[in-house]
Amino acid sequence: MGGRYPDGTSPTAAALAEALTELHKCFQSSTIAALSKRFGLSGASLSHYFNARRLPPAETLISMYEGAVQDLAKRGVLTMPFTLDYLLALRTAAKLGLCPNCHRALVGAPPLSVGDHEMDRRNDVSTDEDRHNVMNVPSPPPGLDEVLSYIESGRLQDASSVLWATASEVTAEEVAGAVSFFMHAGHPEAADVLLRGARGRGARDRLTIIRELLGLGLADAALVLLEG
């Protein structure tokens, strides 16, 4: 399973398939039939994921990772070959077309064997899928006018305190909306505080924020959540 990928497979997509192959080894019952039944996927879909023909949904990666953790724990193994954050970050990097070196610099993960080819693309590469009309920006949470007032009056510490609290108190969609709001308002430093505050949220919330930001064409902002 894995190791041979279709022509044109990007290095990061191949790296994700390699990671899934490692994850596959963690399952107690690892046949395609067993995994298909367990995770509600077709055998064909699993084959596509393991062989880099298609990127799996993030929700599928989360379910598979959690299942692998459970299976290893039953055998008394408490360590995983990589973190869930790493797996999700790798999927995001593959979707954006980032090179593996860019991805490793972002998540601090050990290198994976992905072949001899590197994609020479910048971090700010955007695709048609990632471009988004500004009219579709999600509504930010209420109270951000207070933050703008603080920023304009030079009360940056007060602004940061409100933003940091906001990052953990509102919904994931509202965090993305607030980030977009400040980016378009010309205050990227405020957006950065929100993103760094949102790092403390759970994996599912961070994934939602990343997905929203990618949909808004804010790939650089999404990558902040993959740091550290």
Protein backbone atom coordinates (compact mmCIF):
# COMPACT_ATOMS: atom_id res chain seq x y z
CA MET A 1 0.00 0.00 0.00
CA GLY A 2 1.45 3.39 -0.94
CA GLY A 3 4.92 3.99 -2.35
CA ARG A 4 3.87 4.27 -6.00
CA TYR A 5 1.81 7.31 -6.91
CA PRO A 6 0.22 8.56 -10.14
CA ASP A 7 2.26 10.76 -12.47
CA GLY A 8 1.94 14.40 -11.51
CA THR A 9 1.38 13.71 -7.81
CA SER A 10 2.69 16.67 -5.83
CA PRO A 11 5.38 16.04 -3.20
CA THR A 12 3.08 17.09 -0.38
CA ALA A 13 0.25 14.85 -1.58
CA ALA A 14 2.75 11.98 -1.68
CA ALA A 15 3.93 12.92 1.82
CA LEU A 16 0.35 12.77 3.07
CA ALA A 17 -0.08 9.32 1.53
CA GLU A 18 3.13 8.20 3.25
CA ALA A 19 1.81 9.50 6.57
CA LEU A 20 -1.45 7.63 6.04
CA THR A 21 0.55 4.48 5.34
CA GLU A 22 2.26 4.93 8.72
CA LEU A 23 -1.12 5.52 10.34
CA HIS A 24 -2.44 2.36 8.69
CA LYS A 25 0.16 0.32 10.57
CA CYS A 26 -1.31 1.48 13.89
CA PHE A 27 -4.73 -0.13 13.42
CA GLN A 28 -5.51 -3.38 15.20
CA SER A 29 -7.57 -4.62 12.27
CA SER A 30 -5.96 -3.06 9.23
CA THR A 31 -7.63 -4.70 6.25
CA ILE A 32 -9.33 -2.36 3.81
CA ALA A 33 -12.64 -4.10 4.48
CA ALA A 34 -12.33 -3.57 8.24
CA LEU A 35 -11.29 0.06 7.92
CA SER A 36 -14.01 0.71 5.36
CA LYS A 37 -16.67 -0.57 7.74
CA ARG A 38 -15.19 1.17 10.77
CA PHE A 39 -14.97 4.64 9.24
CA GLY A 40 -17.95 4.44 6.89
CA LEU A 41 -15.85 4.75 3.75
CA SER A 42 -15.79 2.78 0.54
CA GLY A 43 -12.80 0.60 -0.18
CA ALA A 44 -12.19 2.64 -3.33
CA SER A 45 -12.04 5.88 -1.34
CA LEU A 46 -9.54 4.41 1.11
CA SER A 47 -7.41 3.18 -1.76
CA HIS A 48 -7.44 6.66 -3.30
CA TYR A 49 -6.32 8.20 0.00
CA PHE A 50 -3.52 5.72 0.61
CA ASN A 51 -2.25 6.04 -2.96
CA ALA A 52 -2.34 9.85 -3.26
CA ARG A 53 -5.09 9.89 -5.86
CA ARG A 54 -7.33 12.07 -3.72
CA LEU A 55 -7.01 14.16 -0.54
CA PRO A 56 -9.16 12.78 2.28
CA PRO A 57 -11.57 15.14 4.05
CA ALA A 58 -10.13 16.58 7.24
CA GLU A 59 -12.94 14.96 9.24
CA THR A 60 -11.83 11.57 7.92
CA LEU A 61 -8.24 12.24 8.99
CA ILE A 62 -9.41 13.15 12.48
CA SER A 63 -11.51 9.99 12.78
CA MET A 64 -8.72 7.77 11.50
CA TYR A 65 -6.14 9.35 13.78
CA GLU A 66 -8.37 8.99 16.84
CA GLY A 67 -9.04 5.37 15.90
CA ALA A 68 -5.32 4.68 15.58
CA VAL A 69 -4.68 6.22 19.01
CA GLN A 70 -7.34 3.96 20.54
CA ASP A 71 -5.94 0.83 18.89
CA LEU A 72 -2.39 1.54 19.98
CA ALA A 73 -3.53 2.28 23.53
CA LYS A 74 -5.15 -1.16 23.70
CA ARG A 75 -1.72 -2.62 22.98
CA GLY A 76 -0.07 -0.45 25.61
CA VAL A 77 1.54 1.90 23.09
CA LEU A 78 1.14 5.53 24.08
CA THR A 79 3.08 7.29 21.35
CA MET A 80 2.09 8.07 17.78
CA PRO A 81 4.42 8.46 14.78
CA PHE A 82 3.20 12.06 14.44
CA THR A 83 0.60 14.40 15.90
CA LEU A 84 -2.91 15.07 14.63
CA ASP A 85 -1.88 18.69 14.05
CA TYR A 86 0.93 17.46 11.81
CA LEU A 87 -1.45 15.32 9.76
CA LEU A 88 -3.96 18.16 9.32
CA ALA A 89 -1.16 20.60 8.53
CA LEU A 90 0.18 18.25 5.89
CA ARG A 91 -3.23 18.01 4.25
CA THR A 92 -3.53 21.81 4.22
CA ALA A 93 -0.04 22.12 2.74
CA ALA A 94 -0.93 19.59 0.05
CA LYS A 95 -4.12 21.45 -0.77
CA LEU A 96 -2.28 24.76 -1.04
CA GLY A 97 0.55 23.26 -3.09
CA LEU A 98 3.29 24.09 -0.59
CA CYS A 99 6.59 22.27 -0.91
CA PRO A 100 7.44 19.73 1.83
CA ASN A 101 10.27 21.93 3.14
CA CYS A 102 7.82 24.82 3.62
CA HIS A 103 5.46 22.49 5.42
CA ARG A 104 8.15 21.11 7.74
CA ALA A 105 9.27 24.63 8.60
CA LEU A 106 5.71 25.46 9.60
CA VAL A 107 4.96 22.49 11.82
CA GLY A 108 8.43 21.50 13.00
CA ALA A 109 7.86 17.89 12.03
CA PRO A 110 10.52 15.42 10.93
CA PRO A 111 10.90 14.98 7.16
CA LEU A 112 8.94 12.35 5.30
CA SER A 113 10.12 10.58 2.16
CA VAL A 114 8.20 12.11 -0.70
CA GLY A 115 10.39 11.41 -3.73
CA ASP A 116 12.93 13.46 -5.59
CA HIS A 117 10.78 16.29 -6.87
CA GLU A 118 10.13 19.58 -5.09
CA MET A 119 7.44 22.07 -5.98
CA ASP A 120 9.01 25.50 -6.41
CA ARG A 121 6.03 27.55 -5.32
CA ARG A 122 5.66 30.45 -2.92
CA ASN A 123 3.74 30.25 0.34
CA ASP A 124 1.19 32.70 -0.94
CA VAL A 125 0.14 30.59 -3.91
CA SER A 126 -3.61 30.83 -4.45
CA THR A 127 -5.88 28.67 -6.58
CA ASP A 128 -9.29 29.24 -8.06
CA GLU A 129 -10.71 27.21 -5.21
CA ASP A 130 -9.08 29.48 -2.62
CA ARG A 131 -10.12 32.75 -4.23
CA HIS A 132 -13.21 34.18 -2.62
CA ASN A 133 -15.35 37.24 -3.27
CA VAL A 134 -15.12 39.81 -0.49
CA MET A 135 -18.93 39.91 -0.34
CA ASN A 136 -18.84 36.38 1.12
CA VAL A 137 -16.71 37.34 4.13
CA PRO A 138 -18.38 35.88 7.26
CA SER A 139 -19.71 38.33 9.81
CA PRO A 140 -17.26 39.06 12.63
CA PRO A 141 -18.41 38.86 16.25
CA PRO A 142 -19.86 42.02 17.83
CA GLY A 143 -17.69 44.37 19.84
CA LEU A 144 -14.84 44.78 17.37
CA ASP A 145 -15.55 48.49 17.08
CA GLU A 146 -14.19 48.71 20.62
CA VAL A 147 -10.95 47.12 19.46
CA LEU A 148 -10.71 49.55 16.55
CA SER A 149 -11.19 52.41 18.99
CA TYR A 150 -8.36 51.10 21.16
CA ILE A 151 -6.06 50.72 18.15
CA GLU A 152 -6.79 54.21 16.85
CA SER A 153 -6.15 55.74 20.29
CA GLY A 154 -2.89 53.84 20.72
CA ARG A 155 -4.19 51.57 23.50
CA LEU A 156 -2.64 48.50 21.92
CA GLN A 157 -2.42 46.48 25.14
CA ASP A 158 -6.16 46.91 25.72
CA ALA A 159 -6.83 45.92 22.12
CA SER A 160 -4.67 42.82 22.47
CA SER A 161 -6.43 41.78 25.68
CA VAL A 162 -9.85 41.98 24.05
CA LEU A 163 -8.67 40.16 20.94
CA TRP A 164 -7.02 37.37 22.93
CA ALA A 165 -10.21 36.80 24.91
CA THR A 166 -12.31 36.96 21.75
CA ALA A 167 -10.20 34.25 20.12
CA SER A 168 -11.32 31.71 22.72
CA GLU A 169 -14.85 32.91 23.46
CA VAL A 170 -16.55 33.18 20.05
CA THR A 171 -17.26 30.52 17.45
CA ALA A 172 -14.58 29.31 15.07
CA GLU A 173 -16.45 30.89 12.16
CA GLU A 174 -16.54 34.22 14.00
CA VAL A 175 -12.79 34.05 14.60
CA ALA A 176 -12.25 33.67 10.85
CA GLY A 177 -14.68 36.53 10.21
CA ALA A 178 -12.84 38.75 12.67
CA VAL A 179 -9.47 37.92 11.10
CA SER A 180 -10.83 38.82 7.67
CA PHE A 181 -12.38 42.00 9.11
CA PHE A 182 -9.06 43.26 10.49
CA MET A 183 -7.07 42.21 7.43
CA HIS A 184 -9.38 44.20 5.17
CA ALA A 185 -9.41 47.11 7.65
CA GLY A 186 -5.64 47.38 7.38
CA HIS A 187 -4.81 46.02 10.84
CA PRO A 188 -2.95 42.74 10.23
CA GLU A 189 -1.39 42.94 13.70
CA ALA A 190 -4.86 42.61 15.23
CA ALA A 191 -5.59 39.61 13.01
CA ASP A 192 -2.31 38.07 14.13
CA VAL A 193 -3.26 38.38 17.82
CA LEU A 194 -6.57 36.64 17.09
CA LEU A 195 -4.86 33.81 15.25
CA ARG A 196 -2.28 33.24 17.96
CA GLY A 197 -5.00 33.28 20.58
CA ALA A 198 -6.95 30.71 18.56
CA ARG A 199 -4.05 28.25 18.71
CA GLY A 200 -5.29 27.18 22.13
CA ARG A 201 -8.60 25.92 20.72
CA GLY A 202 -9.26 22.27 19.96
CA ALA A 203 -8.18 20.62 16.72
CA ARG A 204 -11.68 20.66 15.23
CA ASP A 205 -12.10 24.40 15.89
CA ARG A 206 -8.69 25.17 14.43
CA LEU A 207 -9.57 23.10 11.39
CA THR A 208 -12.80 25.07 10.92
CA ILE A 209 -10.92 28.37 11.18
CA ILE A 210 -8.33 27.18 8.66
CA ARG A 211 -11.04 26.03 6.25
CA GLU A 212 -12.86 29.38 6.50
CA LEU A 213 -9.66 31.35 5.98
CA LEU A 214 -8.68 29.27 2.95
CA GLY A 215 -12.12 29.87 1.49
CA LEU A 216 -11.55 33.60 1.95
CA GLY A 217 -8.21 33.45 0.15
CA LEU A 218 -6.29 34.15 3.39
CA ALA A 219 -3.80 31.30 3.10
CA ASP A 220 -1.04 33.15 4.94
CA ALA A 221 -3.37 33.73 7.88
CA ALA A 222 -4.35 30.05 7.89
CA LEU A 223 -0.71 29.04 8.10
CA VAL A 224 -0.29 30.95 11.38
CA LEU A 225 -2.46 28.28 13.02
CA LEU A 226 -0.04 25.62 11.81
CA GLU A 227 2.98 27.16 13.52
CA GLY A 228 4.39 26.07 16.84
